[in-house]
Amino acid sequence: MSSTSSSRRMIDQRGIPSNECINCGSNVQVVRAIFQDYELVMWFTDSFCGTCGSPMTTPTPVDHPEYVKPHYPEEEDDEFN
């Protein structure tokens, strides 16, 4: 098999969110996203590696190992107080 062959080895990495492809080490992912008024408002977590094409799961902020849930103080609602 020559190095110019069009067949590539891919690893199905779906299910565990990752910001790096375990197959080739790339951190470039191709994702589907929704924009509204020039602002990113949503992205889909199914993706594939932009370098080798392996299917992946796109990470979200809560997938980061050091993620800390932000604390939002309860807003007082005069209607119920």
PDB file of N, CA and C in Angstrom:
ATOM      1  N   MET A   1       0.854  -1.177   0.000  1.00  0.00           N
ATOM      2  CA  MET A   1       0.000   0.000   0.000  1.00  0.00           C
ATOM      3  C   MET A   1       0.892   1.229   0.000  1.00  0.00           C
ATOM      4  N   SER A   2       0.654   2.109  -0.930  1.00  0.00           N
ATOM      5  CA  SER A   2       1.509   3.292  -1.031  1.00  0.00           C
ATOM      6  C   SER A   2       1.016   4.391  -0.109  1.00  0.00           C
ATOM      7  N   SER A   3       1.912   5.323   0.203  1.00  0.00           N
ATOM      8  CA  SER A   3       1.531   6.427   1.090  1.00  0.00           C
ATOM      9  C   SER A   3       0.608   7.410   0.413  1.00  0.00           C
ATOM     10  N   THR A   4       0.439   7.279  -0.907  1.00  0.00           N
ATOM     11  CA  THR A   4      -0.462   8.178  -1.623  1.00  0.00           C
ATOM     12  C   THR A   4      -1.852   7.577  -1.774  1.00  0.00           C
ATOM     13  N   SER A   5      -2.085   6.422  -1.152  1.00  0.00           N
ATOM     14  CA  SER A   5      -3.385   5.773  -1.226  1.00  0.00           C
ATOM     15  C   SER A   5      -4.456   6.659  -0.608  1.00  0.00           C
ATOM     16  N   SER A   6      -5.658   6.616  -1.196  1.00  0.00           N
ATOM     17  CA  SER A   6      -6.740   7.470  -0.691  1.00  0.00           C
ATOM     18  C   SER A   6      -7.406   6.887   0.555  1.00  0.00           C
ATOM     19  N   SER A   7      -7.123   5.611   0.871  1.00  0.00           N
ATOM     20  CA  SER A   7      -7.741   5.041   2.072  1.00  0.00           C
ATOM     21  C   SER A   7      -7.001   5.537   3.307  1.00  0.00           C
ATOM     22  N   ARG A   8      -7.774   5.885   4.320  1.00  0.00           N
ATOM     23  CA  ARG A   8      -7.219   6.388   5.574  1.00  0.00           C
ATOM     24  C   ARG A   8      -7.686   5.505   6.709  1.00  0.00           C
ATOM     25  N   ARG A   9      -6.872   5.412   7.720  1.00  0.00           N
ATOM     26  CA  ARG A   9      -7.291   4.704   8.924  1.00  0.00           C
ATOM     27  C   ARG A   9      -7.992   5.715   9.821  1.00  0.00           C
ATOM     28  N   MET A  10      -9.184   5.362  10.269  1.00  0.00           N
ATOM     29  CA  MET A  10      -9.951   6.244  11.142  1.00  0.00           C
ATOM     30  C   MET A  10     -10.359   5.470  12.381  1.00  0.00           C
ATOM     31  N   ILE A  11     -10.519   6.196  13.475  1.00  0.00           N
ATOM     32  CA  ILE A  11     -10.993   5.631  14.737  1.00  0.00           C
ATOM     33  C   ILE A  11     -12.288   6.339  15.091  1.00  0.00           C
ATOM     34  N   ASP A  12     -13.335   5.568  15.371  1.00  0.00           N
ATOM     35  CA  ASP A  12     -14.612   6.152  15.786  1.00  0.00           C
ATOM     36  C   ASP A  12     -14.485   6.571  17.249  1.00  0.00           C
ATOM     37  N   GLN A  13     -14.420   7.876  17.482  1.00  0.00           N
ATOM     38  CA  GLN A  13     -14.192   8.424  18.821  1.00  0.00           C
ATOM     39  C   GLN A  13     -15.455   9.020  19.428  1.00  0.00           C
ATOM     40  N   ARG A  14     -16.603   8.734  18.827  1.00  0.00           N
ATOM     41  CA  ARG A  14     -17.853   9.314  19.314  1.00  0.00           C
ATOM     42  C   ARG A  14     -18.212   8.772  20.687  1.00  0.00           C
ATOM     43  N   GLY A  15     -18.815   9.634  21.514  1.00  0.00           N
ATOM     44  CA  GLY A  15     -19.287   9.227  22.838  1.00  0.00           C
ATOM     45  C   GLY A  15     -18.532   9.871  23.979  1.00  0.00           C
ATOM     46  N   ILE A  16     -17.260  10.130  23.789  1.00  0.00           N
ATOM     47  CA  ILE A  16     -16.472  10.796  24.831  1.00  0.00           C
ATOM     48  C   ILE A  16     -15.977  12.114  24.253  1.00  0.00           C
ATOM     49  N   PRO A  17     -16.500  13.251  24.736  1.00  0.00           N
ATOM     50  CA  PRO A  17     -16.094  14.549  24.196  1.00  0.00           C
ATOM     51  C   PRO A  17     -14.588  14.767  24.336  1.00  0.00           C
ATOM     52  N   SER A  18     -13.966  15.249  23.267  1.00  0.00           N
ATOM     53  CA  SER A  18     -12.528  15.477  23.290  1.00  0.00           C
ATOM     54  C   SER A  18     -12.184  16.671  22.414  1.00  0.00           C
ATOM     55  N   ASN A  19     -11.162  17.397  22.820  1.00  0.00           N
ATOM     56  CA  ASN A  19     -10.723  18.523  21.992  1.00  0.00           C
ATOM     57  C   ASN A  19      -9.491  18.154  21.176  1.00  0.00           C
ATOM     58  N   GLU A  20      -9.115  16.861  21.180  1.00  0.00           N
ATOM     59  CA  GLU A  20      -7.981  16.401  20.388  1.00  0.00           C
ATOM     60  C   GLU A  20      -8.262  15.011  19.841  1.00  0.00           C
ATOM     61  N   CYS A  21      -7.956  14.812  18.571  1.00  0.00           N
ATOM     62  CA  CYS A  21      -8.165  13.520  17.925  1.00  0.00           C
ATOM     63  C   CYS A  21      -7.123  12.522  18.438  1.00  0.00           C
ATOM     64  N   ILE A  22      -7.582  11.366  18.910  1.00  0.00           N
ATOM     65  CA  ILE A  22      -6.636  10.361  19.396  1.00  0.00           C
ATOM     66  C   ILE A  22      -5.991   9.611  18.237  1.00  0.00           C
ATOM     67  N   ASN A  23      -6.539   9.750  17.044  1.00  0.00           N
ATOM     68  CA  ASN A  23      -5.979   9.067  15.883  1.00  0.00           C
ATOM     69  C   ASN A  23      -4.762   9.795  15.323  1.00  0.00           C
ATOM     70  N   CYS A  24      -4.855  11.123  15.201  1.00  0.00           N
ATOM     71  CA  CYS A  24      -3.756  11.867  14.568  1.00  0.00           C
ATOM     72  C   CYS A  24      -3.220  13.017  15.422  1.00  0.00           C
ATOM     73  N   GLY A  25      -3.890  13.345  16.544  1.00  0.00           N
ATOM     74  CA  GLY A  25      -3.413  14.406  17.431  1.00  0.00           C
ATOM     75  C   GLY A  25      -3.863  15.802  17.065  1.00  0.00           C
ATOM     76  N   SER A  26      -4.627  15.936  15.997  1.00  0.00           N
ATOM     77  CA  SER A  26      -5.093  17.262  15.568  1.00  0.00           C
ATOM     78  C   SER A  26      -6.145  17.813  16.526  1.00  0.00           C
ATOM     79  N   ASN A  27      -6.178  19.139  16.678  1.00  0.00           N
ATOM     80  CA  ASN A  27      -7.230  19.758  17.479  1.00  0.00           C
ATOM     81  C   ASN A  27      -8.200  20.545  16.592  1.00  0.00           C
ATOM     82  N   VAL A  28      -8.199  20.255  15.300  1.00  0.00           N
ATOM     83  CA  VAL A  28      -9.123  20.889  14.357  1.00  0.00           C
ATOM     84  C   VAL A  28     -10.295  19.942  14.140  1.00  0.00           C
ATOM     85  N   GLN A  29     -11.511  20.424  14.449  1.00  0.00           N
ATOM     86  CA  GLN A  29     -12.715  19.629  14.245  1.00  0.00           C
ATOM     87  C   GLN A  29     -13.652  20.366  13.302  1.00  0.00           C
ATOM     88  N   VAL A  30     -14.385  19.604  12.512  1.00  0.00           N
ATOM     89  CA  VAL A  30     -15.408  20.166  11.642  1.00  0.00           C
ATOM     90  C   VAL A  30     -16.736  19.957  12.356  1.00  0.00           C
ATOM     91  N   VAL A  31     -17.416  21.064  12.689  1.00  0.00           N
ATOM     92  CA  VAL A  31     -18.673  21.001  13.437  1.00  0.00           C
ATOM     93  C   VAL A  31     -19.758  21.749  12.687  1.00  0.00           C
ATOM     94  N   ARG A  32     -21.003  21.399  12.972  1.00  0.00           N
ATOM     95  CA  ARG A  32     -22.140  22.154  12.460  1.00  0.00           C
ATOM     96  C   ARG A  32     -22.545  23.144  13.536  1.00  0.00           C
ATOM     97  N   ALA A  33     -22.852  24.359  13.110  1.00  0.00           N
ATOM     98  CA  ALA A  33     -23.185  25.411  14.074  1.00  0.00           C
ATOM     99  C   ALA A  33     -24.340  26.251  13.551  1.00  0.00           C
ATOM    100  N   ILE A  34     -25.005  26.928  14.475  1.00  0.00           N
ATOM    101  CA  ILE A  34     -26.095  27.844  14.129  1.00  0.00           C
ATOM    102  C   ILE A  34     -25.684  29.243  14.574  1.00  0.00           C
ATOM    103  N   PHE A  35     -25.822  30.183  13.663  1.00  0.00           N
ATOM    104  CA  PHE A  35     -25.526  31.586  13.939  1.00  0.00           C
ATOM    105  C   PHE A  35     -26.807  32.397  13.851  1.00  0.00           C
ATOM    106  N   GLN A  36     -26.895  33.400  14.698  1.00  0.00           N
ATOM    107  CA  GLN A  36     -28.042  34.310  14.663  1.00  0.00           C
ATOM    108  C   GLN A  36     -27.494  35.716  14.847  1.00  0.00           C
ATOM    109  N   ASP A  37     -27.779  36.578  13.897  1.00  0.00           N
ATOM    110  CA  ASP A  37     -27.267  37.952  13.939  1.00  0.00           C
ATOM    111  C   ASP A  37     -25.753  37.981  14.144  1.00  0.00           C
ATOM    112  N   TYR A  38     -25.048  37.144  13.387  1.00  0.00           N
ATOM    113  CA  TYR A  38     -23.581  37.076  13.405  1.00  0.00           C
ATOM    114  C   TYR A  38     -22.998  36.550  14.714  1.00  0.00           C
ATOM    115  N   GLU A  39     -23.811  35.927  15.528  1.00  0.00           N
ATOM    116  CA  GLU A  39     -23.340  35.389  16.796  1.00  0.00           C
ATOM    117  C   GLU A  39     -23.576  33.885  16.827  1.00  0.00           C
ATOM    118  N   LEU A  40     -22.588  33.134  17.303  1.00  0.00           N
ATOM    119  CA  LEU A  40     -22.732  31.697  17.466  1.00  0.00           C
ATOM    120  C   LEU A  40     -23.711  31.443  18.603  1.00  0.00           C
ATOM    121  N   VAL A  41     -24.824  30.776  18.311  1.00  0.00           N
ATOM    122  CA  VAL A  41     -25.831  30.543  19.343  1.00  0.00           C
ATOM    123  C   VAL A  41     -25.980  29.069  19.708  1.00  0.00           C
ATOM    124  N   MET A  42     -25.487  28.163  18.848  1.00  0.00           N
ATOM    125  CA  MET A  42     -25.599  26.743  19.151  1.00  0.00           C
ATOM    126  C   MET A  42     -24.653  25.968  18.253  1.00  0.00           C
ATOM    127  N   TRP A  43     -24.097  24.858  18.781  1.00  0.00           N
ATOM    128  CA  TRP A  43     -23.313  23.968  17.945  1.00  0.00           C
ATOM    129  C   TRP A  43     -23.716  22.543  18.255  1.00  0.00           C
ATOM    130  N   PHE A  44     -23.554  21.692  17.259  1.00  0.00           N
ATOM    131  CA  PHE A  44     -23.883  20.285  17.409  1.00  0.00           C
ATOM    132  C   PHE A  44     -22.649  19.544  17.910  1.00  0.00           C
ATOM    133  N   THR A  45     -22.831  18.527  18.700  1.00  0.00           N
ATOM    134  CA  THR A  45     -21.685  17.839  19.279  1.00  0.00           C
ATOM    135  C   THR A  45     -21.162  16.698  18.409  1.00  0.00           C
ATOM    136  N   ASP A  46     -21.858  16.367  17.322  1.00  0.00           N
ATOM    137  CA  ASP A  46     -21.290  15.378  16.408  1.00  0.00           C
ATOM    138  C   ASP A  46     -20.361  16.110  15.446  1.00  0.00           C
ATOM    139  N   SER A  47     -19.146  15.622  15.319  1.00  0.00           N
ATOM    140  CA  SER A  47     -18.155  16.284  14.486  1.00  0.00           C
ATOM    141  C   SER A  47     -17.222  15.243  13.893  1.00  0.00           C
ATOM    142  N   PHE A  48     -16.267  15.715  13.133  1.00  0.00           N
ATOM    143  CA  PHE A  48     -15.212  14.825  12.678  1.00  0.00           C
ATOM    144  C   PHE A  48     -13.907  15.600  12.612  1.00  0.00           C
ATOM    145  N   CYS A  49     -12.810  14.858  12.699  1.00  0.00           N
ATOM    146  CA  CYS A  49     -11.482  15.466  12.700  1.00  0.00           C
ATOM    147  C   CYS A  49     -11.230  16.130  11.350  1.00  0.00           C
ATOM    148  N   GLY A  50     -10.766  17.353  11.381  1.00  0.00           N
ATOM    149  CA  GLY A  50     -10.483  18.093  10.158  1.00  0.00           C
ATOM    150  C   GLY A  50      -9.246  17.592   9.434  1.00  0.00           C
ATOM    151  N   THR A  51      -8.442  16.776  10.086  1.00  0.00           N
ATOM    152  CA  THR A  51      -7.214  16.270   9.469  1.00  0.00           C
ATOM    153  C   THR A  51      -7.383  14.854   8.923  1.00  0.00           C
ATOM    154  N   CYS A  52      -7.853  13.932   9.761  1.00  0.00           N
ATOM    155  CA  CYS A  52      -7.934  12.531   9.318  1.00  0.00           C
ATOM    156  C   CYS A  52      -9.357  12.055   9.038  1.00  0.00           C
ATOM    157  N   GLY A  53     -10.376  12.833   9.450  1.00  0.00           N
ATOM    158  CA  GLY A  53     -11.766  12.480   9.165  1.00  0.00           C
ATOM    159  C   GLY A  53     -12.424  11.562  10.171  1.00  0.00           C
ATOM    160  N   SER A  54     -11.740  11.200  11.240  1.00  0.00           N
ATOM    161  CA  SER A  54     -12.337  10.311  12.245  1.00  0.00           C
ATOM    162  C   SER A  54     -13.545  10.978  12.900  1.00  0.00           C
ATOM    163  N   PRO A  55     -14.659  10.239  13.078  1.00  0.00           N
ATOM    164  CA  PRO A  55     -15.820  10.803  13.765  1.00  0.00           C
ATOM    165  C   PRO A  55     -15.507  11.046  15.243  1.00  0.00           C
ATOM    166  N   MET A  56     -15.996  12.176  15.759  1.00  0.00           N
ATOM    167  CA  MET A  56     -15.697  12.585  17.135  1.00  0.00           C
ATOM    168  C   MET A  56     -16.935  13.166  17.793  1.00  0.00           C
ATOM    169  N   THR A  57     -16.834  13.416  19.091  1.00  0.00           N
ATOM    170  CA  THR A  57     -17.843  14.160  19.836  1.00  0.00           C
ATOM    171  C   THR A  57     -17.198  15.467  20.272  1.00  0.00           C
ATOM    172  N   THR A  58     -17.790  16.568  19.851  1.00  0.00           N
ATOM    173  CA  THR A  58     -17.267  17.895  20.168  1.00  0.00           C
ATOM    174  C   THR A  58     -17.440  18.192  21.652  1.00  0.00           C
ATOM    175  N   PRO A  59     -16.414  18.736  22.301  1.00  0.00           N
ATOM    176  CA  PRO A  59     -16.557  19.072  23.713  1.00  0.00           C
ATOM    177  C   PRO A  59     -17.355  20.361  23.909  1.00  0.00           C
ATOM    178  N   THR A  60     -17.927  20.484  25.082  1.00  0.00           N
ATOM    179  CA  THR A  60     -18.622  21.711  25.485  1.00  0.00           C
ATOM    180  C   THR A  60     -17.907  22.230  26.734  1.00  0.00           C
ATOM    181  N   PRO A  61     -18.188  23.450  27.161  1.00  0.00           N
ATOM    182  CA  PRO A  61     -17.501  23.970  28.349  1.00  0.00           C
ATOM    183  C   PRO A  61     -17.612  23.070  29.580  1.00  0.00           C
ATOM    184  N   VAL A  62     -18.738  22.412  29.782  1.00  0.00           N
ATOM    185  CA  VAL A  62     -18.890  21.562  30.970  1.00  0.00           C
ATOM    186  C   VAL A  62     -18.059  20.284  30.883  1.00  0.00           C
ATOM    187  N   ASP A  63     -17.531  19.954  29.709  1.00  0.00           N
ATOM    188  CA  ASP A  63     -16.684  18.772  29.551  1.00  0.00           C
ATOM    189  C   ASP A  63     -15.246  19.022  29.980  1.00  0.00           C
ATOM    190  N   HIS A  64     -14.876  20.277  30.203  1.00  0.00           N
ATOM    191  CA  HIS A  64     -13.508  20.607  30.603  1.00  0.00           C
ATOM    192  C   HIS A  64     -13.242  20.020  31.982  1.00  0.00           C
ATOM    193  N   PRO A  65     -12.084  19.376  32.174  1.00  0.00           N
ATOM    194  CA  PRO A  65     -11.796  18.745  33.474  1.00  0.00           C
ATOM    195  C   PRO A  65     -11.822  19.707  34.657  1.00  0.00           C
ATOM    196  N   GLU A  66     -11.549  20.986  34.431  1.00  0.00           N
ATOM    197  CA  GLU A  66     -11.519  21.960  35.527  1.00  0.00           C
ATOM    198  C   GLU A  66     -12.759  22.860  35.545  1.00  0.00           C
ATOM    199  N   TYR A  67     -13.838  22.401  34.895  1.00  0.00           N
ATOM    200  CA  TYR A  67     -15.068  23.196  34.847  1.00  0.00           C
ATOM    201  C   TYR A  67     -15.657  23.375  36.244  1.00  0.00           C
ATOM    202  N   VAL A  68     -16.029  24.594  36.550  1.00  0.00           N
ATOM    203  CA  VAL A  68     -16.721  24.912  37.800  1.00  0.00           C
ATOM    204  C   VAL A  68     -18.020  25.601  37.409  1.00  0.00           C
ATOM    205  N   LYS A  69     -19.119  25.054  37.892  1.00  0.00           N
ATOM    206  CA  LYS A  69     -20.425  25.628  37.569  1.00  0.00           C
ATOM    207  C   LYS A  69     -20.509  27.039  38.140  1.00  0.00           C
ATOM    208  N   PRO A  70     -20.849  28.027  37.286  1.00  0.00           N
ATOM    209  CA  PRO A  70     -20.954  29.402  37.798  1.00  0.00           C
ATOM    210  C   PRO A  70     -22.131  29.539  38.758  1.00  0.00           C
ATOM    211  N   HIS A  71     -21.953  30.384  39.729  1.00  0.00           N
ATOM    212  CA  HIS A  71     -23.011  30.622  40.709  1.00  0.00           C
ATOM    213  C   HIS A  71     -23.757  31.891  40.314  1.00  0.00           C
ATOM    214  N   TYR A  72     -25.029  31.740  40.083  1.00  0.00           N
ATOM    215  CA  TYR A  72     -25.871  32.893  39.772  1.00  0.00           C
ATOM    216  C   TYR A  72     -26.796  33.129  40.954  1.00  0.00           C
ATOM    217  N   PRO A  73     -26.715  34.300  41.574  1.00  0.00           N
ATOM    218  CA  PRO A  73     -27.608  34.562  42.708  1.00  0.00           C
ATOM    219  C   PRO A  73     -29.065  34.549  42.258  1.00  0.00           C
ATOM    220  N   GLU A  74     -29.898  34.046  43.117  1.00  0.00           N
ATOM    221  CA  GLU A  74     -31.332  34.018  42.818  1.00  0.00           C
ATOM    222  C   GLU A  74     -31.852  35.445  42.676  1.00  0.00           C
ATOM    223  N   GLU A  75     -32.557  35.665  41.582  1.00  0.00           N
ATOM    224  CA  GLU A  75     -33.150  36.982  41.392  1.00  0.00           C
ATOM    225  C   GLU A  75     -34.473  37.032  42.137  1.00  0.00           C
ATOM    226  N   GLU A  76     -34.704  38.120  42.825  1.00  0.00           N
ATOM    227  CA  GLU A  76     -35.963  38.261  43.553  1.00  0.00           C
ATOM    228  C   GLU A  76     -37.057  38.625  42.574  1.00  0.00           C
ATOM    229  N   ASP A  77     -38.159  37.945  42.696  1.00  0.00           N
ATOM    230  CA  ASP A  77     -39.314  38.192  41.848  1.00  0.00           C
ATOM    231  C   ASP A  77     -40.410  38.790  42.716  1.00  0.00           C
ATOM    232  N   ASP A  78     -40.695  40.071  42.527  1.00  0.00           N
ATOM    233  CA  ASP A  78     -41.662  40.779  43.357  1.00  0.00           C
ATOM    234  C   ASP A  78     -43.058  40.161  43.279  1.00  0.00           C
ATOM    235  N   GLU A  79     -43.353  39.475  42.196  1.00  0.00           N
ATOM    236  CA  GLU A  79     -44.674  38.907  42.032  1.00  0.00           C
ATOM    237  C   GLU A  79     -44.956  37.837  43.101  1.00  0.00           C
ATOM    238  N   PHE A  80     -43.930  37.114  43.555  1.00  0.00           N
ATOM    239  CA  PHE A  80     -44.146  36.038  44.510  1.00  0.00           C
ATOM    240  C   PHE A  80     -43.661  36.375  45.910  1.00  0.00           C
ATOM    241  N   ASN A  81     -43.117  37.551  46.126  1.00  0.00           N
ATOM    242  CA  ASN A  81     -42.621  37.926  47.459  1.00  0.00           C
ATOM    243  C   ASN A  81     -43.574  38.847  48.165  1.00  0.00           C
TER     244      ASN A  81
END
